[in-house]
C-alpha atoms as a PDB file:
ATOM      1  CA  MET A   1      21.495  -7.756  32.213  1.00  0.00           C
ATOM      2  CA  THR A   2      23.425  -6.502  29.394  1.00  0.00           C
ATOM      3  CA  ARG A   3      25.345  -8.816  26.989  1.00  0.00           C
ATOM      4  CA  ALA A   4      28.695  -7.498  28.182  1.00  0.00           C
ATOM      5  CA  ARG A   5      27.911  -7.973  31.737  1.00  0.00           C
ATOM      6  CA  ALA A   6      26.832 -11.634  31.184  1.00  0.00           C
ATOM      7  CA  ALA A   7      29.918 -12.457  29.049  1.00  0.00           C
ATOM      8  CA  VAL A   8      32.130 -11.010  31.876  1.00  0.00           C
ATOM      9  CA  LEU A   9      30.356 -13.082  34.324  1.00  0.00           C
ATOM     10  CA  ASP A  10      30.775 -16.206  32.213  1.00  0.00           C
ATOM     11  CA  LEU A  11      34.386 -15.443  31.643  1.00  0.00           C
ATOM     12  CA  THR A  12      34.859 -15.060  35.412  1.00  0.00           C
ATOM     13  CA  CYS A  13      33.062 -18.235  36.054  1.00  0.00           C
ATOM     14  CA  VAL A  14      35.581 -20.308  33.863  1.00  0.00           C
ATOM     15  CA  LEU A  15      38.467 -18.541  35.359  1.00  0.00           C
ATOM     16  CA  LEU A  16      37.302 -19.215  38.933  1.00  0.00           C
ATOM     17  CA  PHE A  17      37.029 -22.951  37.814  1.00  0.00           C
ATOM     18  CA  THR A  18      40.379 -22.927  36.447  1.00  0.00           C
ATOM     19  CA  LEU A  19      41.951 -21.182  39.481  1.00  0.00           C
ATOM     20  CA  ALA A  20      40.215 -23.337  41.884  1.00  0.00           C
ATOM     21  CA  GLY A  21      41.048 -26.586  39.989  1.00  0.00           C
ATOM     22  CA  ARG A  22      44.850 -25.587  39.656  1.00  0.00           C
ATOM     23  CA  SER A  23      44.992 -24.475  43.362  1.00  0.00           C
ATOM     24  CA  SER A  24      43.337 -27.756  44.531  1.00  0.00           C
ATOM     25  CA  HIS A  25      46.068 -29.753  42.556  1.00  0.00           C
ATOM     26  CA  ALA A  26      48.943 -27.521  43.874  1.00  0.00           C
ATOM     27  CA  GLU A  27      49.620 -26.494  40.410  1.00  0.00           C
ATOM     28  CA  ALA A  28      51.123 -23.163  39.553  1.00  0.00           C
ATOM     29  CA  LEU A  29      48.947 -20.185  39.265  1.00  0.00           C
ATOM     30  CA  SER A  30      51.199 -18.581  36.739  1.00  0.00           C
ATOM     31  CA  PRO A  31      49.676 -16.911  33.721  1.00  0.00           C
ATOM     32  CA  ALA A  32      50.999 -19.625  31.418  1.00  0.00           C
ATOM     33  CA  GLY A  33      49.721 -22.327  33.630  1.00  0.00           C
ATOM     34  CA  VAL A  34      46.295 -20.816  34.009  1.00  0.00           C
ATOM     35  CA  TRP A  35      46.053 -20.183  30.203  1.00  0.00           C
ATOM     36  CA  GLN A  36      46.994 -23.756  29.442  1.00  0.00           C
ATOM     37  CA  THR A  37      44.154 -25.029  31.756  1.00  0.00           C
ATOM     38  CA  ALA A  38      41.673 -22.255  30.831  1.00  0.00           C
ATOM     39  CA  TRP A  39      41.743 -21.913  26.889  1.00  0.00           C
ATOM     40  CA  PRO A  40      39.951 -24.991  26.100  1.00  0.00           C
ATOM     41  CA  PHE A  41      37.005 -24.163  28.216  1.00  0.00           C
ATOM     42  CA  LEU A  42      37.175 -20.343  27.123  1.00  0.00           C
ATOM     43  CA  ALA A  43      36.997 -21.539  23.478  1.00  0.00           C
ATOM     44  CA  GLY A  44      34.095 -23.843  24.452  1.00  0.00           C
ATOM     45  CA  LEU A  45      32.387 -20.839  26.363  1.00  0.00           C
ATOM     46  CA  ALA A  46      32.734 -18.595  23.199  1.00  0.00           C
ATOM     47  CA  ALA A  47      31.384 -21.338  20.967  1.00  0.00           C
ATOM     48  CA  GLY A  48      28.505 -21.843  23.335  1.00  0.00           C
ATOM     49  CA  TRP A  49      27.636 -18.113  23.302  1.00  0.00           C
ATOM     50  CA  LEU A  50      27.783 -18.128  19.346  1.00  0.00           C
ATOM     51  CA  LEU A  51      25.702 -21.245  19.175  1.00  0.00           C
ATOM     52  CA  ALA A  52      23.025 -19.832  21.363  1.00  0.00           C
ATOM     53  CA  ARG A  53      22.952 -16.696  19.298  1.00  0.00           C
ATOM     54  CA  LEU A  54      22.434 -18.786  16.112  1.00  0.00           C
ATOM     55  CA  VAL A  55      20.051 -21.114  17.431  1.00  0.00           C
ATOM     56  CA  ARG A  56      18.036 -19.156  19.825  1.00  0.00           C
ATOM     57  CA  GLY A  57      18.353 -15.858  18.121  1.00  0.00           C
ATOM     58  CA  HIS A  58      19.523 -13.968  20.937  1.00  0.00           C
ATOM     59  CA  TRP A  59      22.534 -13.716  23.479  1.00  0.00           C
ATOM     60  CA  PRO A  60      22.477 -16.390  26.268  1.00  0.00           C
ATOM     61  CA  LEU A  61      21.463 -14.165  28.992  1.00  0.00           C
ATOM     62  CA  GLY A  62      18.829 -16.285  30.513  1.00  0.00           C
ATOM     63  CA  LEU A  63      18.810 -19.514  32.555  1.00  0.00           C
ATOM     64  CA  ARG A  64      17.581 -21.719  29.650  1.00  0.00           C
ATOM     65  CA  ASP A  65      20.157 -20.428  27.463  1.00  0.00           C
ATOM     66  CA  ALA A  66      22.833 -21.193  30.020  1.00  0.00           C
ATOM     67  CA  VAL A  67      22.244 -25.040  29.718  1.00  0.00           C
ATOM     68  CA  LEU A  68      23.368 -24.774  25.966  1.00  0.00           C
ATOM     69  CA  VAL A  69      26.327 -22.567  27.090  1.00  0.00           C
ATOM     70  CA  TRP A  70      27.258 -24.932  29.841  1.00  0.00           C
ATOM     71  CA  ALA A  71      27.080 -28.050  27.595  1.00  0.00           C
ATOM     72  CA  VAL A  72      29.017 -26.538  24.863  1.00  0.00           C
ATOM     73  CA  THR A  73      31.641 -25.252  27.337  1.00  0.00           C
ATOM     74  CA  VAL A  74      32.204 -28.561  28.868  1.00  0.00           C
ATOM     75  CA  GLY A  75      31.892 -30.650  25.845  1.00  0.00           C
ATOM     76  CA  GLY A  76      34.081 -28.372  23.688  1.00  0.00           C
ATOM     77  CA  GLY A  77      36.547 -27.844  26.487  1.00  0.00           C
ATOM     78  CA  MET A  78      36.865 -31.546  27.014  1.00  0.00           C
ATOM     79  CA  ALA A  79      37.352 -32.190  23.236  1.00  0.00           C
ATOM     80  CA  LEU A  80      39.989 -29.383  23.004  1.00  0.00           C
ATOM     81  CA  ARG A  81      41.722 -30.818  26.115  1.00  0.00           C
ATOM     82  CA  ALA A  82      41.769 -34.298  24.445  1.00  0.00           C
ATOM     83  CA  MET A  83      43.049 -32.883  21.021  1.00  0.00           C
ATOM     84  CA  SER A  84      45.883 -30.915  22.808  1.00  0.00           C
ATOM     85  CA  GLY A  85      47.006 -33.945  24.967  1.00  0.00           C
ATOM     86  CA  GLN A  86      45.598 -32.645  28.301  1.00  0.00           C
ATOM     87  CA  GLY A  87      43.604 -35.058  30.629  1.00  0.00           C
ATOM     88  CA  THR A  88      40.095 -36.064  30.281  1.00  0.00           C
ATOM     89  CA  ASP A  89      39.865 -38.458  33.162  1.00  0.00           C
ATOM     90  CA  PRO A  90      36.142 -39.342  33.817  1.00  0.00           C
ATOM     91  CA  ALA A  91      36.521 -37.947  37.407  1.00  0.00           C
ATOM     92  CA  PHE A  92      37.798 -34.578  35.947  1.00  0.00           C
ATOM     93  CA  VAL A  93      34.881 -34.541  33.416  1.00  0.00           C
ATOM     94  CA  LEU A  94      32.439 -34.979  36.135  1.00  0.00           C
ATOM     95  CA  VAL A  95      33.993 -32.273  38.364  1.00  0.00           C
ATOM     96  CA  ALA A  96      34.218 -29.979  35.695  1.00  0.00           C
ATOM     97  CA  ALA A  97      30.623 -30.458  34.507  1.00  0.00           C
ATOM     98  CA  THR A  98      29.433 -30.089  38.106  1.00  0.00           C
ATOM     99  CA  VAL A  99      31.338 -26.914  38.881  1.00  0.00           C
ATOM    100  CA  LEU A 100      30.845 -25.076  35.658  1.00  0.00           C
ATOM    101  CA  ALA A 101      27.021 -25.971  35.880  1.00  0.00           C
ATOM    102  CA  ALA A 102      26.870 -24.507  39.335  1.00  0.00           C
ATOM    103  CA  LEU A 103      28.780 -21.359  38.207  1.00  0.00           C
ATOM    104  CA  LEU A 104      27.305 -20.785  34.684  1.00  0.00           C
ATOM    105  CA  LEU A 105      23.718 -21.644  35.712  1.00  0.00           C
ATOM    106  CA  GLY A 106      24.020 -20.325  39.226  1.00  0.00           C
ATOM    107  CA  TRP A 107      24.540 -16.634  38.626  1.00  0.00           C
ATOM    108  CA  ARG A 108      21.592 -16.730  36.170  1.00  0.00           C
ATOM    109  CA  ALA A 109      19.412 -18.454  38.687  1.00  0.00           C
ATOM    110  CA  ALA A 110      20.156 -16.063  41.311  1.00  0.00           C
ATOM    111  CA  GLY A 111      19.455 -13.239  38.815  1.00  0.00           C
ATOM    112  CA  ALA A 112      16.187 -14.817  37.919  1.00  0.00           C
ATOM    113  CA  LEU A 113      15.215 -15.128  41.560  1.00  0.00           C
ATOM    114  CA  VAL A 114      15.970 -11.485  42.293  1.00  0.00           C
ATOM    115  CA  SER A 115      14.050 -10.440  39.142  1.00  0.00           C
ATOM    116  CA  ALA A 116      11.010 -12.751  40.173  1.00  0.00           C
ATOM    117  CA  LEU A 117      11.088 -11.140  43.797  1.00  0.00           C
ATOM    118  CA  ARG A 118      11.110  -7.669  42.389  1.00  0.00           C
ATOM    119  CA  VAL A 119       8.116  -8.311  40.187  1.00  0.00           C
ATOM    120  CA  ARG A 120       6.375  -9.973  43.108  1.00  0.00           C
ATOM    121  CA  ARG A 121       7.058  -6.861  45.247  1.00  0.00           C
ATOM    122  CA  GLY A 122       5.672  -4.661  42.609  1.00  0.00           C
ATOM    123  CA  GLY A 123       9.081  -3.582  41.240  1.00  0.00           C
ATOM    124  CA  THR A 124       9.758  -2.803  37.475  1.00  0.00           C
ATOM    125  CA  ARG A 125      10.985  -5.350  35.016  1.00  0.00           C
ATOM    126  CA  ALA A 126      13.458  -4.688  32.186  1.00  0.00           C
ATOM    127  CA  PRO A 127      12.042  -5.196  28.805  1.00  0.00           C
ATOM    128  CA  ALA A 128      12.483  -8.641  27.162  1.00  0.00           C
ATOM    129  CA  GLU A 129      14.919  -7.399  24.748  1.00  0.00           C
ATOM    130  CA  GLN A 130      17.253  -6.401  27.622  1.00  0.00           C
ATOM    131  CA  ARG A 131      16.666  -9.565  29.578  1.00  0.00           C
ATOM    132  CA  GLY A 132      17.519 -11.748  26.686  1.00  0.00           C
ATOM    133  CA  GLY A 133      14.999 -14.354  27.929  1.00  0.00           C
ATOM    134  CA  SER A 134      16.377 -14.208  31.560  1.00  0.00           C
ATOM    135  CA  GLY A 135      14.287 -15.908  34.051  1.00  0.00           C
ATOM    136  CA  LEU A 136      13.099 -19.467  34.652  1.00  0.00           C
ATOM    137  CA  SER A 137      10.500 -19.384  31.867  1.00  0.00           C
ATOM    138  CA  SER A 138      12.697 -17.996  29.040  1.00  0.00           C
END
């Protein structure tokens, strides 16, 4: 998994979360409306990626790294929502944390499973530098 591909997948996860949330509340899916909801979480996502790079020494491609990215995405997103006057109702925090965990950790877990199955079947595995610690044991 490349850094660019992982970043696009994470960005897509946040946008899917945003679109699903706005849609389920019958809110406009206009670019301005989507941006209003998404920007705090996108900023949190960027901060999570940078923090993972600083703390772990590599980009957050693996499942373990995703926990840090998820926590900063949710925590930072909620803090920015509160500072900008957007809602942080406890039910919303719980839903956001759950959905973003499923999305941000989910694609990495699926990738780790596929990688483990390939290794088990005798397939090749990318060097650790390319995997960025991907897999359950990273």
